[in-house]
Amino acid sequence: MYSYSPSLEKMQKRGITTYSLVNHHGISSHLMRNQRHNKNVTLETIHRLCQILNCTPNDVLEILSDRDN
């Protein structure tokens, strides 16, 4: 299972809103909804988020073990 809560924290620290990602950076609202609900997103999406937030994948994605569920 995946958690994208680190990306939401990184966005908040950088002052980047979901609105900004959708309207200024071309990230679809569907992708943002998937991210908020910890559903699968593509590596391309992770790459784009990392470029926008100037960070690494570790900063936007956390992989949870089965024991954490």
N, C-alpha and C. Protein backbone atom coordinates (compact mmCIF):
# COMPACT_ATOMS: atom_id res chain seq x y z
N MET A 1 0.84 -1.17 0.00
CA MET A 1 0.00 0.00 0.00
C MET A 1 0.89 1.24 0.00
N TYR A 2 0.36 2.30 -0.56
CA TYR A 2 1.11 3.54 -0.69
C TYR A 2 0.43 4.65 0.09
N SER A 3 1.23 5.58 0.54
CA SER A 3 0.71 6.80 1.16
C SER A 3 1.37 7.98 0.47
N TYR A 4 0.55 8.92 0.05
CA TYR A 4 1.06 10.13 -0.58
C TYR A 4 1.02 11.31 0.38
N SER A 5 0.82 11.04 1.66
CA SER A 5 0.79 12.13 2.63
C SER A 5 2.09 12.94 2.66
N PRO A 6 3.26 12.31 2.40
CA PRO A 6 4.47 13.14 2.36
C PRO A 6 4.41 14.22 1.28
N SER A 7 3.76 13.94 0.15
CA SER A 7 3.68 14.95 -0.90
C SER A 7 2.78 16.10 -0.47
N LEU A 8 1.71 15.80 0.25
CA LEU A 8 0.82 16.85 0.72
C LEU A 8 1.54 17.73 1.75
N GLU A 9 2.37 17.11 2.59
CA GLU A 9 3.16 17.87 3.55
C GLU A 9 4.19 18.75 2.83
N LYS A 10 4.83 18.18 1.81
CA LYS A 10 5.83 18.93 1.03
C LYS A 10 5.17 20.10 0.32
N MET A 11 3.98 19.87 -0.25
CA MET A 11 3.25 20.95 -0.91
C MET A 11 2.95 22.09 0.08
N GLN A 12 2.51 21.72 1.26
CA GLN A 12 2.18 22.72 2.26
C GLN A 12 3.43 23.52 2.66
N LYS A 13 4.55 22.84 2.85
CA LYS A 13 5.79 23.53 3.21
C LYS A 13 6.24 24.48 2.11
N ARG A 14 6.02 24.10 0.85
CA ARG A 14 6.44 24.92 -0.29
C ARG A 14 5.40 25.96 -0.67
N GLY A 15 4.23 25.91 -0.04
CA GLY A 15 3.18 26.87 -0.37
C GLY A 15 2.53 26.60 -1.72
N ILE A 16 2.55 25.35 -2.15
CA ILE A 16 1.94 24.96 -3.42
C ILE A 16 0.61 24.26 -3.11
N THR A 17 -0.45 24.77 -3.68
CA THR A 17 -1.78 24.22 -3.43
C THR A 17 -2.18 23.25 -4.53
N THR A 18 -3.20 22.46 -4.24
CA THR A 18 -3.77 21.58 -5.26
C THR A 18 -4.26 22.41 -6.43
N TYR A 19 -4.88 23.54 -6.13
CA TYR A 19 -5.36 24.45 -7.18
C TYR A 19 -4.22 24.83 -8.12
N SER A 20 -3.08 25.17 -7.55
CA SER A 20 -1.92 25.56 -8.34
C SER A 20 -1.43 24.40 -9.21
N LEU A 21 -1.38 23.20 -8.65
CA LEU A 21 -0.94 22.04 -9.43
C LEU A 21 -1.86 21.80 -10.62
N VAL A 22 -3.16 21.93 -10.40
CA VAL A 22 -4.13 21.67 -11.46
C VAL A 22 -4.13 22.79 -12.49
N ASN A 23 -4.16 24.03 -12.04
CA ASN A 23 -4.36 25.16 -12.95
C ASN A 23 -3.09 25.79 -13.50
N HIS A 24 -1.97 25.58 -12.83
CA HIS A 24 -0.73 26.21 -13.30
C HIS A 24 0.34 25.22 -13.74
N HIS A 25 0.23 23.98 -13.29
CA HIS A 25 1.26 22.99 -13.61
C HIS A 25 0.73 21.83 -14.45
N GLY A 26 -0.55 21.83 -14.78
CA GLY A 26 -1.10 20.82 -15.68
C GLY A 26 -1.32 19.44 -15.07
N ILE A 27 -1.34 19.34 -13.76
CA ILE A 27 -1.66 18.06 -13.11
C ILE A 27 -3.19 17.95 -13.09
N SER A 28 -3.72 16.84 -13.52
CA SER A 28 -5.18 16.72 -13.60
C SER A 28 -5.81 16.59 -12.22
N SER A 29 -7.04 17.06 -12.11
CA SER A 29 -7.76 16.95 -10.85
C SER A 29 -8.01 15.48 -10.51
N HIS A 30 -8.15 14.63 -11.52
CA HIS A 30 -8.32 13.20 -11.30
C HIS A 30 -7.08 12.61 -10.61
N LEU A 31 -5.90 13.01 -11.06
CA LEU A 31 -4.66 12.53 -10.42
C LEU A 31 -4.57 13.00 -8.98
N MET A 32 -4.97 14.23 -8.74
CA MET A 32 -4.92 14.75 -7.38
C MET A 32 -5.91 14.01 -6.48
N ARG A 33 -7.07 13.66 -7.01
CA ARG A 33 -8.05 12.89 -6.25
C ARG A 33 -7.48 11.51 -5.92
N ASN A 34 -6.85 10.87 -6.91
CA ASN A 34 -6.22 9.56 -6.65
C ASN A 34 -5.16 9.68 -5.57
N GLN A 35 -4.39 10.71 -5.63
CA GLN A 35 -3.32 10.91 -4.65
C GLN A 35 -3.92 11.11 -3.25
N ARG A 36 -4.94 11.94 -3.13
CA ARG A 36 -5.56 12.19 -1.81
C ARG A 36 -6.15 10.92 -1.21
N HIS A 37 -6.59 10.00 -2.08
CA HIS A 37 -7.19 8.75 -1.60
C HIS A 37 -6.21 7.57 -1.63
N ASN A 38 -4.92 7.87 -1.79
CA ASN A 38 -3.85 6.86 -1.80
C ASN A 38 -4.09 5.75 -2.81
N LYS A 39 -4.61 6.13 -3.97
CA LYS A 39 -4.76 5.18 -5.07
C LYS A 39 -3.53 5.27 -5.95
N ASN A 40 -3.40 4.31 -6.84
CA ASN A 40 -2.22 4.26 -7.70
C ASN A 40 -2.12 5.49 -8.61
N VAL A 41 -0.91 5.99 -8.72
CA VAL A 41 -0.58 7.01 -9.71
C VAL A 41 0.65 6.51 -10.46
N THR A 42 0.87 7.06 -11.62
CA THR A 42 1.98 6.58 -12.45
C THR A 42 3.31 7.15 -11.98
N LEU A 43 4.37 6.51 -12.42
CA LEU A 43 5.71 7.04 -12.12
C LEU A 43 5.90 8.39 -12.79
N GLU A 44 5.27 8.59 -13.93
CA GLU A 44 5.34 9.89 -14.60
C GLU A 44 4.76 10.99 -13.70
N THR A 45 3.67 10.68 -13.02
CA THR A 45 3.07 11.65 -12.11
C THR A 45 4.01 11.94 -10.95
N ILE A 46 4.61 10.91 -10.40
CA ILE A 46 5.57 11.10 -9.30
C ILE A 46 6.74 11.95 -9.78
N HIS A 47 7.21 11.67 -10.98
CA HIS A 47 8.32 12.43 -11.56
C HIS A 47 7.93 13.91 -11.70
N ARG A 48 6.73 14.18 -12.23
CA ARG A 48 6.28 15.56 -12.40
C ARG A 48 6.14 16.28 -11.06
N LEU A 49 5.58 15.58 -10.07
CA LEU A 49 5.47 16.19 -8.74
C LEU A 49 6.84 16.52 -8.16
N CYS A 50 7.78 15.62 -8.35
CA CYS A 50 9.15 15.86 -7.86
C CYS A 50 9.78 17.07 -8.55
N GLN A 51 9.54 17.22 -9.84
CA GLN A 51 10.07 18.38 -10.55
C GLN A 51 9.44 19.67 -10.03
N ILE A 52 8.13 19.65 -9.86
CA ILE A 52 7.42 20.84 -9.40
C ILE A 52 7.83 21.21 -7.98
N LEU A 53 7.95 20.20 -7.11
CA LEU A 53 8.27 20.44 -5.70
C LEU A 53 9.77 20.48 -5.43
N ASN A 54 10.57 20.21 -6.49
CA ASN A 54 12.03 20.20 -6.36
C ASN A 54 12.46 19.26 -5.23
N CYS A 55 12.08 17.98 -5.38
CA CYS A 55 12.36 17.00 -4.34
C CYS A 55 12.59 15.63 -4.97
N THR A 56 12.72 14.62 -4.15
CA THR A 56 12.92 13.25 -4.62
C THR A 56 11.65 12.43 -4.36
N PRO A 57 11.53 11.24 -4.97
CA PRO A 57 10.35 10.40 -4.72
C PRO A 57 10.13 10.09 -3.25
N ASN A 58 11.19 9.99 -2.46
CA ASN A 58 11.02 9.75 -1.02
C ASN A 58 10.24 10.87 -0.35
N ASP A 59 10.26 12.04 -0.94
CA ASP A 59 9.57 13.19 -0.36
C ASP A 59 8.08 13.23 -0.72
N VAL A 60 7.65 12.41 -1.68
CA VAL A 60 6.25 12.45 -2.11
C VAL A 60 5.51 11.13 -1.94
N LEU A 61 6.22 10.07 -1.63
CA LEU A 61 5.61 8.75 -1.57
C LEU A 61 6.18 7.95 -0.42
N GLU A 62 5.30 7.28 0.29
CA GLU A 62 5.72 6.37 1.35
C GLU A 62 5.11 5.01 1.05
N ILE A 63 5.93 3.97 1.10
CA ILE A 63 5.44 2.62 0.88
C ILE A 63 5.22 1.99 2.26
N LEU A 64 3.99 1.58 2.49
CA LEU A 64 3.63 0.99 3.77
C LEU A 64 3.68 -0.53 3.67
N SER A 65 4.14 -1.15 4.70
CA SER A 65 4.16 -2.62 4.69
C SER A 65 2.76 -3.16 4.93
N ASP A 66 2.53 -4.40 4.63
CA ASP A 66 1.24 -5.02 4.84
C ASP A 66 0.85 -5.00 6.32
N ARG A 67 1.83 -5.01 7.19
CA ARG A 67 1.56 -4.99 8.63
C ARG A 67 0.97 -3.65 9.07
N ASP A 68 1.23 -2.57 8.29
CA ASP A 68 0.74 -1.25 8.65
C ASP A 68 -0.74 -1.08 8.33
N ASN A 69 -1.32 -2.01 7.58
CA ASN A 69 -2.73 -1.87 7.16
C ASN A 69 -3.66 -2.23 8.25
